[in-house]
PDB file of all heavy atoms in Angstrom:
ATOM      1  N   PRO A   1      -6.997 -24.685 -24.062  1.00  0.00           N
ATOM      2  CA  PRO A   1      -6.329 -25.143 -22.846  1.00  0.00           C
ATOM      3  C   PRO A   1      -6.799 -26.544 -22.456  1.00  0.00           C
ATOM      4  O   PRO A   1      -8.000 -26.832 -22.485  1.00  0.00           O
ATOM      5  CB  PRO A   1      -6.741 -24.102 -21.802  1.00  0.00           C
ATOM      6  CG  PRO A   1      -8.037 -23.557 -22.312  1.00  0.00           C
ATOM      7  CD  PRO A   1      -7.981 -23.630 -23.808  1.00  0.00           C
ATOM      8  N   GLY A   2      -5.866 -27.408 -22.117  1.00  0.00           N
ATOM      9  CA  GLY A   2      -6.218 -28.773 -21.746  1.00  0.00           C
ATOM     10  C   GLY A   2      -5.981 -29.081 -20.289  1.00  0.00           C
ATOM     11  O   GLY A   2      -6.887 -29.483 -19.563  1.00  0.00           O
ATOM     12  N   LEU A   3      -4.742 -28.886 -19.821  1.00  0.00           N
ATOM     13  CA  LEU A   3      -4.365 -29.198 -18.444  1.00  0.00           C
ATOM     14  C   LEU A   3      -3.709 -27.993 -17.787  1.00  0.00           C
ATOM     15  O   LEU A   3      -2.965 -27.243 -18.431  1.00  0.00           O
ATOM     16  CB  LEU A   3      -3.381 -30.369 -18.415  1.00  0.00           C
ATOM     17  CG  LEU A   3      -3.895 -31.747 -18.831  1.00  0.00           C
ATOM     18  CD1 LEU A   3      -2.728 -32.704 -19.010  1.00  0.00           C
ATOM     19  CD2 LEU A   3      -4.876 -32.293 -17.803  1.00  0.00           C
ATOM     20  N   LEU A   4      -3.990 -27.816 -16.506  1.00  0.00           N
ATOM     21  CA  LEU A   4      -3.274 -26.851 -15.686  1.00  0.00           C
ATOM     22  C   LEU A   4      -2.233 -27.618 -14.886  1.00  0.00           C
ATOM     23  O   LEU A   4      -2.556 -28.607 -14.235  1.00  0.00           O
ATOM     24  CB  LEU A   4      -4.237 -26.136 -14.738  1.00  0.00           C
ATOM     25  CG  LEU A   4      -5.370 -25.331 -15.393  1.00  0.00           C
ATOM     26  CD1 LEU A   4      -6.354 -24.866 -14.326  1.00  0.00           C
ATOM     27  CD2 LEU A   4      -4.827 -24.157 -16.164  1.00  0.00           C
ATOM     28  N   LYS A   5      -0.991 -27.171 -14.941  1.00  0.00           N
ATOM     29  CA  LYS A   5       0.104 -27.885 -14.280  1.00  0.00           C
ATOM     30  C   LYS A   5       0.844 -26.918 -13.356  1.00  0.00           C
ATOM     31  O   LYS A   5       1.130 -25.788 -13.740  1.00  0.00           O
ATOM     32  CB  LYS A   5       1.071 -28.452 -15.320  1.00  0.00           C
ATOM     33  CG  LYS A   5       2.225 -29.260 -14.764  1.00  0.00           C
ATOM     34  CD  LYS A   5       3.056 -29.833 -15.911  1.00  0.00           C
ATOM     35  CE  LYS A   5       4.179 -30.721 -15.395  1.00  0.00           C
ATOM     36  NZ  LYS A   5       5.205 -29.947 -14.642  1.00  0.00           N
ATOM     37  N   VAL A   6       1.137 -27.367 -12.140  1.00  0.00           N
ATOM     38  CA  VAL A   6       1.877 -26.528 -11.206  1.00  0.00           C
ATOM     39  C   VAL A   6       3.086 -27.277 -10.653  1.00  0.00           C
ATOM     40  O   VAL A   6       3.057 -28.495 -10.464  1.00  0.00           O
ATOM     41  CB  VAL A   6       1.001 -26.049 -10.024  1.00  0.00           C
ATOM     42  CG1 VAL A   6      -0.168 -25.216 -10.509  1.00  0.00           C
ATOM     43  CG2 VAL A   6       0.520 -27.205  -9.175  1.00  0.00           C
ATOM     44  N   ASP A   7       4.141 -26.532 -10.427  1.00  0.00           N
ATOM     45  CA  ASP A   7       5.319 -27.014  -9.713  1.00  0.00           C
ATOM     46  C   ASP A   7       5.627 -25.971  -8.648  1.00  0.00           C
ATOM     47  O   ASP A   7       6.022 -24.844  -8.981  1.00  0.00           O
ATOM     48  CB  ASP A   7       6.504 -27.196 -10.671  1.00  0.00           C
ATOM     49  CG  ASP A   7       6.261 -28.298 -11.687  1.00  0.00           C
ATOM     50  OD1 ASP A   7       6.238 -29.464 -11.278  1.00  0.00           O
ATOM     51  OD2 ASP A   7       6.076 -27.977 -12.867  1.00  0.00           O
ATOM     52  N   ALA A   8       5.416 -26.324  -7.388  1.00  0.00           N
ATOM     53  CA  ALA A   8       5.556 -25.364  -6.293  1.00  0.00           C
ATOM     54  C   ALA A   8       6.826 -25.613  -5.495  1.00  0.00           C
ATOM     55  O   ALA A   8       7.266 -26.753  -5.327  1.00  0.00           O
ATOM     56  CB  ALA A   8       4.336 -25.444  -5.376  1.00  0.00           C
ATOM     57  N   GLU A   9       7.409 -24.529  -5.006  1.00  0.00           N
ATOM     58  CA  GLU A   9       8.585 -24.595  -4.137  1.00  0.00           C
ATOM     59  C   GLU A   9       8.222 -23.965  -2.800  1.00  0.00           C
ATOM     60  O   GLU A   9       7.612 -22.887  -2.754  1.00  0.00           O
ATOM     61  CB  GLU A   9       9.762 -23.853  -4.774  1.00  0.00           C
ATOM     62  CG  GLU A   9      10.207 -24.446  -6.106  1.00  0.00           C
ATOM     63  CD  GLU A   9      11.319 -23.643  -6.745  1.00  0.00           C
ATOM     64  OE1 GLU A   9      11.719 -22.614  -6.157  1.00  0.00           O
ATOM     65  OE2 GLU A   9      11.787 -24.051  -7.821  1.00  0.00           O
ATOM     66  N   TRP A  10       8.591 -24.649  -1.719  1.00  0.00           N
ATOM     67  CA  TRP A  10       8.177 -24.223  -0.388  1.00  0.00           C
ATOM     68  C   TRP A  10       9.366 -23.993   0.530  1.00  0.00           C
ATOM     69  O   TRP A  10      10.421 -24.601   0.384  1.00  0.00           O
ATOM     70  CB  TRP A  10       7.285 -25.280   0.258  1.00  0.00           C
ATOM     71  CG  TRP A  10       5.985 -25.520  -0.439  1.00  0.00           C
ATOM     72  CD1 TRP A  10       5.737 -26.402  -1.444  1.00  0.00           C
ATOM     73  CD2 TRP A  10       4.747 -24.851  -0.179  1.00  0.00           C
ATOM     74  NE1 TRP A  10       4.416 -26.329  -1.833  1.00  0.00           N
ATOM     75  CE2 TRP A  10       3.781 -25.391  -1.068  1.00  0.00           C
ATOM     76  CE3 TRP A  10       4.349 -23.858   0.720  1.00  0.00           C
ATOM     77  CZ2 TRP A  10       2.466 -24.958  -1.072  1.00  0.00           C
ATOM     78  CZ3 TRP A  10       3.032 -23.430   0.722  1.00  0.00           C
ATOM     79  CH2 TRP A  10       2.107 -23.973  -0.176  1.00  0.00           C
ATOM     80  N   SER A  11       9.134 -23.131   1.509  1.00  0.00           N
ATOM     81  CA  SER A  11      10.024 -22.993   2.655  1.00  0.00           C
ATOM     82  C   SER A  11       9.217 -23.412   3.866  1.00  0.00           C
ATOM     83  O   SER A  11       8.125 -22.876   4.117  1.00  0.00           O
ATOM     84  CB  SER A  11      10.499 -21.545   2.813  1.00  0.00           C
ATOM     85  OG  SER A  11      11.259 -21.401   4.003  1.00  0.00           O
ATOM     86  N   GLY A  12       9.719 -24.404   4.615  1.00  0.00           N
ATOM     87  CA  GLY A  12       8.942 -24.956   5.710  1.00  0.00           C
ATOM     88  C   GLY A  12       8.055 -26.082   5.203  1.00  0.00           C
ATOM     89  O   GLY A  12       8.188 -26.556   4.074  1.00  0.00           O
ATOM     90  N   THR A  13       7.127 -26.520   6.024  1.00  0.00           N
ATOM     91  CA  THR A  13       6.219 -27.601   5.653  1.00  0.00           C
ATOM     92  C   THR A  13       5.239 -27.122   4.588  1.00  0.00           C
ATOM     93  O   THR A  13       4.561 -26.110   4.785  1.00  0.00           O
ATOM     94  CB  THR A  13       5.427 -28.098   6.875  1.00  0.00           C
ATOM     95  OG1 THR A  13       6.334 -28.514   7.890  1.00  0.00           O
ATOM     96  CG2 THR A  13       4.523 -29.260   6.486  1.00  0.00           C
ATOM     97  N   PRO A  14       5.158 -27.797   3.439  1.00  0.00           N
ATOM     98  CA  PRO A  14       4.212 -27.371   2.396  1.00  0.00           C
ATOM     99  C   PRO A  14       2.781 -27.298   2.920  1.00  0.00           C
ATOM    100  O   PRO A  14       2.351 -28.154   3.690  1.00  0.00           O
ATOM    101  CB  PRO A  14       4.353 -28.462   1.332  1.00  0.00           C
ATOM    102  CG  PRO A  14       5.737 -28.994   1.523  1.00  0.00           C
ATOM    103  CD  PRO A  14       5.967 -28.951   3.014  1.00  0.00           C
ATOM    104  N   ALA A  15       2.063 -26.262   2.507  1.00  0.00           N
ATOM    105  CA  ALA A  15       0.673 -26.086   2.924  1.00  0.00           C
ATOM    106  C   ALA A  15      -0.197 -25.806   1.699  1.00  0.00           C
ATOM    107  O   ALA A  15      -0.807 -24.740   1.594  1.00  0.00           O
ATOM    108  CB  ALA A  15       0.578 -24.943   3.933  1.00  0.00           C
ATOM    109  N   PRO A  16      -0.259 -26.763   0.754  1.00  0.00           N
ATOM    110  CA  PRO A  16      -0.980 -26.514  -0.493  1.00  0.00           C
ATOM    111  C   PRO A  16      -2.466 -26.264  -0.308  1.00  0.00           C
ATOM    112  O   PRO A  16      -3.085 -25.549  -1.104  1.00  0.00           O
ATOM    113  CB  PRO A  16      -0.734 -27.790  -1.302  1.00  0.00           C
ATOM    114  CG  PRO A  16      -0.416 -28.836  -0.287  1.00  0.00           C
ATOM    115  CD  PRO A  16       0.316 -28.125   0.795  1.00  0.00           C
ATOM    116  N   SER A  17      -3.064 -26.824   0.753  1.00  0.00           N
ATOM    117  CA  SER A  17      -4.493 -26.629   0.967  1.00  0.00           C
ATOM    118  C   SER A  17      -4.818 -25.218   1.446  1.00  0.00           C
ATOM    119  O   SER A  17      -5.991 -24.818   1.478  1.00  0.00           O
ATOM    120  CB  SER A  17      -5.030 -27.654   1.971  1.00  0.00           C
ATOM    121  OG  SER A  17      -4.399 -27.504   3.225  1.00  0.00           O
ATOM    122  N   GLU A  18      -3.794 -24.457   1.817  1.00  0.00           N
ATOM    123  CA  GLU A  18      -4.006 -23.087   2.319  1.00  0.00           C
ATOM    124  C   GLU A  18      -3.758 -22.027   1.251  1.00  0.00           C
ATOM    125  O   GLU A  18      -3.824 -20.831   1.548  1.00  0.00           O
ATOM    126  CB  GLU A  18      -3.093 -22.823   3.521  1.00  0.00           C
ATOM    127  CG  GLU A  18      -3.398 -23.680   4.730  1.00  0.00           C
ATOM    128  CD  GLU A  18      -4.808 -23.439   5.271  1.00  0.00           C
ATOM    129  OE1 GLU A  18      -5.300 -22.296   5.136  1.00  0.00           O
ATOM    130  OE2 GLU A  18      -5.409 -24.394   5.798  1.00  0.00           O
ATOM    131  N   VAL A  19      -3.483 -22.451   0.024  1.00  0.00           N
ATOM    132  CA  VAL A  19      -3.275 -21.481  -1.068  1.00  0.00           C
ATOM    133  C   VAL A  19      -4.421 -21.629  -2.064  1.00  0.00           C
ATOM    134  O   VAL A  19      -4.538 -22.645  -2.757  1.00  0.00           O
ATOM    135  CB  VAL A  19      -1.922 -21.698  -1.773  1.00  0.00           C
ATOM    136  CG1 VAL A  19      -1.764 -20.694  -2.909  1.00  0.00           C
ATOM    137  CG2 VAL A  19      -0.776 -21.556  -0.780  1.00  0.00           C
ATOM    138  N   THR A  20      -5.273 -20.629  -2.126  1.00  0.00           N
ATOM    139  CA  THR A  20      -6.413 -20.637  -3.046  1.00  0.00           C
ATOM    140  C   THR A  20      -5.958 -20.215  -4.436  1.00  0.00           C
ATOM    141  O   THR A  20      -5.153 -19.285  -4.591  1.00  0.00           O
ATOM    142  CB  THR A  20      -7.513 -19.685  -2.552  1.00  0.00           C
ATOM    143  OG1 THR A  20      -7.964 -20.115  -1.273  1.00  0.00           O
ATOM    144  CG2 THR A  20      -8.706 -19.667  -3.515  1.00  0.00           C
ATOM    145  N   VAL A  21      -6.485 -20.909  -5.451  1.00  0.00           N
ATOM    146  CA  VAL A  21      -6.152 -20.624  -6.847  1.00  0.00           C
ATOM    147  C   VAL A  21      -7.436 -20.259  -7.580  1.00  0.00           C
ATOM    148  O   VAL A  21      -8.387 -21.047  -7.620  1.00  0.00           O
ATOM    149  CB  VAL A  21      -5.494 -21.840  -7.528  1.00  0.00           C
ATOM    150  CG1 VAL A  21      -5.172 -21.527  -8.985  1.00  0.00           C
ATOM    151  CG2 VAL A  21      -4.239 -22.264  -6.782  1.00  0.00           C
ATOM    152  N   ASN A  22      -7.470 -19.062  -8.154  1.00  0.00           N
ATOM    153  CA  ASN A  22      -8.608 -18.619  -8.966  1.00  0.00           C
ATOM    154  C   ASN A  22      -8.137 -18.363 -10.393  1.00  0.00           C
ATOM    155  O   ASN A  22      -7.127 -17.688 -10.604  1.00  0.00           O
ATOM    156  CB  ASN A  22      -9.218 -17.335  -8.395  1.00  0.00           C
ATOM    157  CG  ASN A  22      -9.812 -17.529  -7.010  1.00  0.00           C
ATOM    158  OD1 ASN A  22     -10.512 -18.512  -6.773  1.00  0.00           O
ATOM    159  ND2 ASN A  22      -9.525 -16.623  -6.091  1.00  0.00           N
ATOM    160  N   ILE A  23      -8.858 -18.916 -11.364  1.00  0.00           N
ATOM    161  CA  ILE A  23      -8.518 -18.755 -12.779  1.00  0.00           C
ATOM    162  C   ILE A  23      -9.436 -17.696 -13.390  1.00  0.00           C
ATOM    163  O   ILE A  23     -10.653 -17.737 -13.200  1.00  0.00           O
ATOM    164  CB  ILE A  23      -8.682 -20.083 -13.551  1.00  0.00           C
ATOM    165  CG1 ILE A  23      -7.978 -21.232 -12.809  1.00  0.00           C
ATOM    166  CG2 ILE A  23      -8.151 -19.943 -14.971  1.00  0.00           C
ATOM    167  CD1 ILE A  23      -6.502 -21.068 -12.672  1.00  0.00           C
ATOM    168  N   TYR A  24      -8.848 -16.770 -14.122  1.00  0.00           N
ATOM    169  CA  TYR A  24      -9.608 -15.708 -14.770  1.00  0.00           C
ATOM    170  C   TYR A  24      -9.234 -15.617 -16.249  1.00  0.00           C
ATOM    171  O   TYR A  24      -8.168 -16.089 -16.666  1.00  0.00           O
ATOM    172  CB  TYR A  24      -9.316 -14.350 -14.119  1.00  0.00           C
ATOM    173  CG  TYR A  24      -9.841 -14.190 -12.716  1.00  0.00           C
ATOM    174  CD1 TYR A  24      -9.071 -14.571 -11.616  1.00  0.00           C
ATOM    175  CD2 TYR A  24     -11.105 -13.646 -12.478  1.00  0.00           C
ATOM    176  CE1 TYR A  24      -9.547 -14.423 -10.317  1.00  0.00           C
ATOM    177  CE2 TYR A  24     -11.583 -13.499 -11.182  1.00  0.00           C
ATOM    178  CZ  TYR A  24     -10.804 -13.884 -10.110  1.00  0.00           C
ATOM    179  OH  TYR A  24     -11.277 -13.743  -8.827  1.00  0.00           O
ATOM    180  N   ALA A  25     -10.105 -14.983 -17.010  1.00  0.00           N
ATOM    181  CA  ALA A  25      -9.817 -14.643 -18.403  1.00  0.00           C
ATOM    182  C   ALA A  25     -10.076 -13.154 -18.587  1.00  0.00           C
ATOM    183  O   ALA A  25     -10.972 -12.580 -17.939  1.00  0.00           O
ATOM    184  CB  ALA A  25     -10.681 -15.450 -19.365  1.00  0.00           C
ATOM    185  N   GLY A  26      -9.288 -12.532 -19.470  1.00  0.00           N
ATOM    186  CA  GLY A  26      -9.476 -11.104 -19.700  1.00  0.00           C
ATOM    187  C   GLY A  26      -8.705 -10.642 -20.915  1.00  0.00           C
ATOM    188  O   GLY A  26      -7.971 -11.416 -21.545  1.00  0.00           O
ATOM    189  N   ASN A  27      -8.851  -9.373 -21.258  1.00  0.00           N
ATOM    190  CA  ASN A  27      -8.170  -8.800 -22.418  1.00  0.00           C
ATOM    191  C   ASN A  27      -6.673  -8.621 -22.151  1.00  0.00           C
ATOM    192  O   ASN A  27      -6.252  -8.412 -21.004  1.00  0.00           O
ATOM    193  CB  ASN A  27      -8.787  -7.446 -22.780  1.00  0.00           C
ATOM    194  CG  ASN A  27     -10.198  -7.572 -23.303  1.00  0.00           C
ATOM    195  OD1 ASN A  27     -10.565  -8.599 -23.872  1.00  0.00           O
ATOM    196  ND2 ASN A  27     -11.007  -6.547 -23.104  1.00  0.00           N
ATOM    197  N   ASP A  28      -5.893  -8.652 -23.220  1.00  0.00           N
ATOM    198  CA  ASP A  28      -4.450  -8.479 -23.056  1.00  0.00           C
ATOM    199  C   ASP A  28      -4.073  -7.039 -22.719  1.00  0.00           C
ATOM    200  O   ASP A  28      -2.915  -6.738 -22.449  1.00  0.00           O
ATOM    201  CB  ASP A  28      -3.704  -8.955 -24.305  1.00  0.00           C
ATOM    202  CG  ASP A  28      -4.087  -8.181 -25.552  1.00  0.00           C
ATOM    203  OD1 ASP A  28      -4.930  -7.266 -25.468  1.00  0.00           O
ATOM    204  OD2 ASP A  28      -3.539  -8.485 -26.630  1.00  0.00           O
ATOM    205  N   SER A  29      -5.057  -6.137 -22.723  1.00  0.00           N
ATOM    206  CA  SER A  29      -4.795  -4.742 -22.357  1.00  0.00           C
ATOM    207  C   SER A  29      -4.642  -4.574 -20.846  1.00  0.00           C
ATOM    208  O   SER A  29      -4.154  -3.537 -20.379  1.00  0.00           O
ATOM    209  CB  SER A  29      -5.928  -3.841 -22.864  1.00  0.00           C
ATOM    210  OG  SER A  29      -7.179  -4.244 -22.332  1.00  0.00           O
ATOM    211  N   VAL A  30      -5.064  -5.593 -20.079  1.00  0.00           N
ATOM    212  CA  VAL A  30      -4.924  -5.539 -18.620  1.00  0.00           C
ATOM    213  C   VAL A  30      -3.480  -5.875 -18.257  1.00  0.00           C
ATOM    214  O   VAL A  30      -3.031  -7.004 -18.453  1.00  0.00           O
ATOM    215  CB  VAL A  30      -5.895  -6.516 -17.933  1.00  0.00           C
ATOM    216  CG1 VAL A  30      -5.704  -6.483 -16.419  1.00  0.00           C
ATOM    217  CG2 VAL A  30      -7.333  -6.191 -18.299  1.00  0.00           C
ATOM    218  N   THR A  31      -2.758  -4.919 -17.732  1.00  0.00           N
ATOM    219  CA  THR A  31      -1.340  -5.135 -17.404  1.00  0.00           C
ATOM    220  C   THR A  31      -1.017  -4.837 -15.950  1.00  0.00           C
ATOM    221  O   THR A  31       0.105  -5.067 -15.504  1.00  0.00           O
ATOM    222  CB  THR A  31      -0.445  -4.264 -18.296  1.00  0.00           C
ATOM    223  OG1 THR A  31      -0.825  -2.884 -18.148  1.00  0.00           O
ATOM    224  CG2 THR A  31      -0.584  -4.675 -19.769  1.00  0.00           C
ATOM    225  N   SER A  32      -1.989  -4.316 -15.182  1.00  0.00           N
ATOM    226  CA  SER A  32      -1.771  -4.056 -13.762  1.00  0.00           C
ATOM    227  C   SER A  32      -3.122  -4.025 -13.054  1.00  0.00           C
ATOM    228  O   SER A  32      -4.071  -3.415 -13.550  1.00  0.00           O
ATOM    229  CB  SER A  32      -1.051  -2.719 -13.561  1.00  0.00           C
ATOM    230  OG  SER A  32      -0.837  -2.456 -12.187  1.00  0.00           O
ATOM    231  N   VAL A  33      -3.184  -4.720 -11.905  1.00  0.00           N
ATOM    232  CA  VAL A  33      -4.411  -4.769 -11.118  1.00  0.00           C
ATOM    233  C   VAL A  33      -4.051  -4.508  -9.659  1.00  0.00           C
ATOM    234  O   VAL A  33      -3.225  -5.208  -9.082  1.00  0.00           O
ATOM    235  CB  VAL A  33      -5.115  -6.138 -11.233  1.00  0.00           C
ATOM    236  CG1 VAL A  33      -6.339  -6.199 -10.340  1.00  0.00           C
ATOM    237  CG2 VAL A  33      -5.491  -6.419 -12.680  1.00  0.00           C
ATOM    238  N   SER A  34      -4.687  -3.483  -9.080  1.00  0.00           N
ATOM    239  CA  SER A  34      -4.406  -3.149  -7.687  1.00  0.00           C
ATOM    240  C   SER A  34      -5.612  -3.342  -6.785  1.00  0.00           C
ATOM    241  O   SER A  34      -5.470  -3.352  -5.561  1.00  0.00           O
ATOM    242  CB  SER A  34      -3.924  -1.696  -7.585  1.00  0.00           C
ATOM    243  OG  SER A  34      -4.909  -0.802  -8.104  1.00  0.00           O
ATOM    244  N   SER A  35      -6.800  -3.488  -7.375  1.00  0.00           N
ATOM    245  CA  SER A  35      -8.002  -3.659  -6.564  1.00  0.00           C
ATOM    246  C   SER A  35      -8.454  -5.111  -6.596  1.00  0.00           C
ATOM    247  O   SER A  35      -7.929  -5.953  -5.882  1.00  0.00           O
ATOM    248  CB  SER A  35      -9.113  -2.729  -7.057  1.00  0.00           C
ATOM    249  OG  SER A  35      -9.363  -2.925  -8.452  1.00  0.00           O
ATOM    250  N   THR A  36      -9.429  -5.431  -7.445  1.00  0.00           N
ATOM    251  CA  THR A  36      -9.914  -6.806  -7.578  1.00  0.00           C
ATOM    252  C   THR A  36      -9.916  -7.195  -9.050  1.00  0.00           C
ATOM    253  O   THR A  36     -10.006  -6.320  -9.929  1.00  0.00           O
ATOM    254  CB  THR A  36     -11.338  -6.959  -7.027  1.00  0.00           C
ATOM    255  OG1 THR A  36     -12.236  -6.154  -7.809  1.00  0.00           O
ATOM    256  CG2 THR A  36     -11.398  -6.532  -5.569  1.00  0.00           C
ATOM    257  N   PRO A  37      -9.832  -8.496  -9.362  1.00  0.00           N
ATOM    258  CA  PRO A  37      -9.880  -8.920 -10.763  1.00  0.00           C
ATOM    259  C   PRO A  37     -11.154  -8.468 -11.476  1.00  0.00           C
ATOM    260  O   PRO A  37     -11.107  -8.023 -12.620  1.00  0.00           O
ATOM    261  CB  PRO A  37      -9.800 -10.447 -10.664  1.00  0.00           C
ATOM    262  CG  PRO A  37      -9.062 -10.698  -9.394  1.00  0.00           C
ATOM    263  CD  PRO A  37      -9.536  -9.625  -8.463  1.00  0.00           C
ATOM    264  N   SER A  38     -12.301  -8.569 -10.804  1.00  0.00           N
ATOM    265  CA  SER A  38     -13.553  -8.189 -11.452  1.00  0.00           C
ATOM    266  C   SER A  38     -13.588  -6.699 -11.773  1.00  0.00           C
ATOM    267  O   SER A  38     -14.132  -6.282 -12.800  1.00  0.00           O
ATOM    268  CB  SER A  38     -14.740  -8.570 -10.564  1.00  0.00           C
ATOM    269  OG  SER A  38     -14.651  -7.940  -9.295  1.00  0.00           O
ATOM    270  N   ALA A  39     -12.995  -5.877 -10.908  1.00  0.00           N
ATOM    271  CA  ALA A  39     -12.948  -4.442 -11.158  1.00  0.00           C
ATOM    272  C   ALA A  39     -12.087  -4.124 -12.374  1.00  0.00           C
ATOM    273  O   ALA A  39     -12.283  -3.096 -13.035  1.00  0.00           O
ATOM    274  CB  ALA A  39     -12.415  -3.706  -9.933  1.00  0.00           C
TER     275      ALA A  39
END
């Protein structure tokens, strides 16, 4: 991976500083998460 790129669409005044982004890595067997990523 080299660059992370985002294109966001907003309704109302954009508030990019209020959206937290967390990057994770994991096995491809993970297909549904209802609790926390670490769990």
